[in-house]
Amino acid sequence: NFTYGSPAPLGPNLPMQPTTRFDMASLTKVTATTTLVMIMYQNGDISLDEPVVSFLPKLKIEVAVPSELVDAVIEAIAAAAKTGKIGDGKIFVLDVERALRIRTGETDSQAL
């Protein structure tokens, strides 16, 4: 039996043995994902030219805040979400006519 390489690329340079064990979890991510993506490409299920965002689920976040905090909340969300790429999202600002916290019975601004 011949062995080549190092079992720990970032650790000490130990010689490989025929009984050397490897962490398959790290290899599974690469080998399984690559294989599945190429099968999907071959079957015509995906295009390799599509932006990554095409494969991510859309996410809707609803936030109700007092009027005086709207600008600060918009600024914080936009700063956190902005990547400069397709899929960064949109922010819609709507008036909330009434609010009710069911558990306590609080209404309007006290319910926020």
C-alpha atoms as a PDB file:
ATOM      1  CA  ASN A   1       0.000   0.000   0.000  1.00  0.00           C
ATOM      2  CA  PHE A   2       1.194   3.495  -0.872  1.00  0.00           C
ATOM      3  CA  THR A   3       0.010   6.695   0.768  1.00  0.00           C
ATOM      4  CA  TYR A   4       0.573  10.289  -0.302  1.00  0.00           C
ATOM      5  CA  GLY A   5      -0.135  13.737   1.101  1.00  0.00           C
ATOM      6  CA  SER A   6      -0.786  15.006   4.587  1.00  0.00           C
ATOM      7  CA  PRO A   7      -3.840  14.170   6.697  1.00  0.00           C
ATOM      8  CA  ALA A   8      -3.894  17.665   8.232  1.00  0.00           C
ATOM      9  CA  PRO A   9      -3.158  20.425   5.678  1.00  0.00           C
ATOM     10  CA  LEU A  10      -3.076  23.126   8.362  1.00  0.00           C
ATOM     11  CA  GLY A  11      -1.616  21.001  11.135  1.00  0.00           C
ATOM     12  CA  PRO A  12       1.665  19.185  11.633  1.00  0.00           C
ATOM     13  CA  ASN A  13       3.052  17.496   8.555  1.00  0.00           C
ATOM     14  CA  LEU A  14       2.491  13.894   9.646  1.00  0.00           C
ATOM     15  CA  PRO A  15       3.057  11.022   7.243  1.00  0.00           C
ATOM     16  CA  MET A  16      -0.036   9.348   5.786  1.00  0.00           C
ATOM     17  CA  GLN A  17      -0.746   5.794   6.831  1.00  0.00           C
ATOM     18  CA  PRO A  18      -3.014   3.191   5.177  1.00  0.00           C
ATOM     19  CA  THR A  19      -5.203   3.480   8.287  1.00  0.00           C
ATOM     20  CA  THR A  20      -5.383   7.328   8.270  1.00  0.00           C
ATOM     21  CA  ARG A  21      -8.958   8.521   8.867  1.00  0.00           C
ATOM     22  CA  PHE A  22     -10.517  11.616   7.301  1.00  0.00           C
ATOM     23  CA  ASP A  23     -13.430  13.785   8.344  1.00  0.00           C
ATOM     24  CA  MET A  24     -15.961  12.945   5.617  1.00  0.00           C
ATOM     25  CA  ALA A  25     -18.361  15.711   6.673  1.00  0.00           C
ATOM     26  CA  SER A  26     -16.084  18.350   5.184  1.00  0.00           C
ATOM     27  CA  LEU A  27     -15.694  16.394   1.955  1.00  0.00           C
ATOM     28  CA  THR A  28     -19.410  15.617   1.668  1.00  0.00           C
ATOM     29  CA  LYS A  29     -20.339  19.292   1.287  1.00  0.00           C
ATOM     30  CA  VAL A  30     -18.128  19.665  -1.753  1.00  0.00           C
ATOM     31  CA  THR A  31     -18.577  16.302  -3.431  1.00  0.00           C
ATOM     32  CA  ALA A  32     -22.316  15.902  -2.854  1.00  0.00           C
ATOM     33  CA  THR A  33     -23.244  19.498  -3.706  1.00  0.00           C
ATOM     34  CA  THR A  34     -21.120  19.617  -6.845  1.00  0.00           C
ATOM     35  CA  THR A  35     -22.455  16.287  -8.057  1.00  0.00           C
ATOM     36  CA  LEU A  36     -26.093  17.239  -7.434  1.00  0.00           C
ATOM     37  CA  VAL A  37     -25.723  20.645  -9.097  1.00  0.00           C
ATOM     38  CA  MET A  38     -24.158  19.068 -12.183  1.00  0.00           C
ATOM     39  CA  ILE A  39     -26.938  16.447 -12.372  1.00  0.00           C
ATOM     40  CA  MET A  40     -29.534  19.231 -12.146  1.00  0.00           C
ATOM     41  CA  TYR A  41     -27.671  21.142 -14.881  1.00  0.00           C
ATOM     42  CA  GLN A  42     -27.495  18.045 -17.079  1.00  0.00           C
ATOM     43  CA  ASN A  43     -31.251  17.470 -16.618  1.00  0.00           C
ATOM     44  CA  GLY A  44     -31.968  21.090 -17.582  1.00  0.00           C
ATOM     45  CA  ASP A  45     -33.313  21.957 -14.119  1.00  0.00           C
ATOM     46  CA  ILE A  46     -30.886  24.863 -13.611  1.00  0.00           C
ATOM     47  CA  SER A  47     -28.597  27.119 -15.586  1.00  0.00           C
ATOM     48  CA  LEU A  48     -25.082  27.776 -14.361  1.00  0.00           C
ATOM     49  CA  ASP A  49     -25.487  31.385 -15.516  1.00  0.00           C
ATOM     50  CA  GLU A  50     -28.320  32.160 -13.059  1.00  0.00           C
ATOM     51  CA  PRO A  51     -27.519  34.462 -10.128  1.00  0.00           C
ATOM     52  CA  VAL A  52     -27.191  32.641  -6.803  1.00  0.00           C
ATOM     53  CA  VAL A  53     -30.193  34.593  -5.486  1.00  0.00           C
ATOM     54  CA  SER A  54     -32.376  32.586  -7.896  1.00  0.00           C
ATOM     55  CA  PHE A  55     -31.858  29.534  -5.709  1.00  0.00           C
ATOM     56  CA  LEU A  56     -32.594  31.218  -2.373  1.00  0.00           C
ATOM     57  CA  PRO A  57     -36.083  31.414  -0.916  1.00  0.00           C
ATOM     58  CA  LYS A  58     -37.721  34.818  -0.741  1.00  0.00           C
ATOM     59  CA  LEU A  59     -38.067  36.191   2.764  1.00  0.00           C
ATOM     60  CA  LYS A  60     -40.708  38.625   3.967  1.00  0.00           C
ATOM     61  CA  ILE A  61     -40.136  40.520   7.182  1.00  0.00           C
ATOM     62  CA  GLU A  62     -42.861  42.733   8.600  1.00  0.00           C
ATOM     63  CA  VAL A  63     -41.996  45.310  11.238  1.00  0.00           C
ATOM     64  CA  ALA A  64     -44.331  47.739  12.980  1.00  0.00           C
ATOM     65  CA  VAL A  65     -42.662  50.691  14.670  1.00  0.00           C
ATOM     66  CA  PRO A  66     -43.761  54.094  15.952  1.00  0.00           C
ATOM     67  CA  SER A  67     -43.661  56.848  13.298  1.00  0.00           C
ATOM     68  CA  GLU A  68     -40.645  58.556  14.854  1.00  0.00           C
ATOM     69  CA  LEU A  69     -38.534  55.396  14.374  1.00  0.00           C
ATOM     70  CA  VAL A  70     -39.458  54.670  10.745  1.00  0.00           C
ATOM     71  CA  ASP A  71     -36.460  56.426   9.156  1.00  0.00           C
ATOM     72  CA  ALA A  72     -33.966  54.831  11.547  1.00  0.00           C
ATOM     73  CA  VAL A  73     -35.444  51.356  10.999  1.00  0.00           C
ATOM     74  CA  ILE A  74     -35.396  51.771   7.215  1.00  0.00           C
ATOM     75  CA  GLU A  75     -31.764  52.893   7.363  1.00  0.00           C
ATOM     76  CA  ALA A  76     -30.758  49.959   9.592  1.00  0.00           C
ATOM     77  CA  ILE A  77     -32.517  47.332   7.461  1.00  0.00           C
ATOM     78  CA  ALA A  78     -31.157  48.770   4.200  1.00  0.00           C
ATOM     79  CA  ALA A  79     -27.601  48.898   5.567  1.00  0.00           C
ATOM     80  CA  ALA A  80     -27.798  45.290   6.801  1.00  0.00           C
ATOM     81  CA  ALA A  81     -29.392  43.905   3.620  1.00  0.00           C
ATOM     82  CA  LYS A  82     -27.435  45.751   0.928  1.00  0.00           C
ATOM     83  CA  THR A  83     -24.974  43.704  -1.078  1.00  0.00           C
ATOM     84  CA  GLY A  84     -25.289  45.680  -4.310  1.00  0.00           C
ATOM     85  CA  LYS A  85     -26.532  42.594  -6.144  1.00  0.00           C
ATOM     86  CA  ILE A  86     -29.893  41.453  -7.456  1.00  0.00           C
ATOM     87  CA  GLY A  87     -32.048  40.214  -4.601  1.00  0.00           C
ATOM     88  CA  ASP A  88     -31.149  42.774  -1.936  1.00  0.00           C
ATOM     89  CA  GLY A  89     -34.873  43.312  -1.484  1.00  0.00           C
ATOM     90  CA  LYS A  90     -37.352  46.134  -1.151  1.00  0.00           C
ATOM     91  CA  ILE A  91     -38.780  48.098   1.755  1.00  0.00           C
ATOM     92  CA  PHE A  92     -42.406  49.204   1.739  1.00  0.00           C
ATOM     93  CA  VAL A  93     -43.691  51.674   4.326  1.00  0.00           C
ATOM     94  CA  LEU A  94     -47.395  51.472   5.173  1.00  0.00           C
ATOM     95  CA  ASP A  95     -49.483  53.232   7.781  1.00  0.00           C
ATOM     96  CA  VAL A  96     -50.899  50.989  10.495  1.00  0.00           C
ATOM     97  CA  GLU A  97     -54.374  52.228  11.377  1.00  0.00           C
ATOM     98  CA  ARG A  98     -54.726  50.141  14.515  1.00  0.00           C
ATOM     99  CA  ALA A  99     -52.705  47.596  16.444  1.00  0.00           C
ATOM    100  CA  LEU A 100     -53.804  45.181  19.166  1.00  0.00           C
ATOM    101  CA  ARG A 101     -51.583  43.005  21.319  1.00  0.00           C
ATOM    102  CA  ILE A 102     -53.941  40.105  21.912  1.00  0.00           C
ATOM    103  CA  ARG A 103     -52.237  38.790  25.064  1.00  0.00           C
ATOM    104  CA  THR A 104     -52.470  42.040  27.031  1.00  0.00           C
ATOM    105  CA  GLY A 105     -55.171  43.945  25.227  1.00  0.00           C
ATOM    106  CA  GLU A 106     -52.816  46.877  24.626  1.00  0.00           C
ATOM    107  CA  THR A 107     -53.671  48.936  21.549  1.00  0.00           C
ATOM    108  CA  ASP A 108     -51.998  51.211  19.053  1.00  0.00           C
ATOM    109  CA  SER A 109     -48.572  52.588  20.119  1.00  0.00           C
ATOM    110  CA  GLN A 110     -48.636  50.639  23.429  1.00  0.00           C
ATOM    111  CA  ALA A 111     -49.053  47.430  21.384  1.00  0.00           C
ATOM    112  CA  LEU A 112     -45.854  48.123  19.453  1.00  0.00           C
END
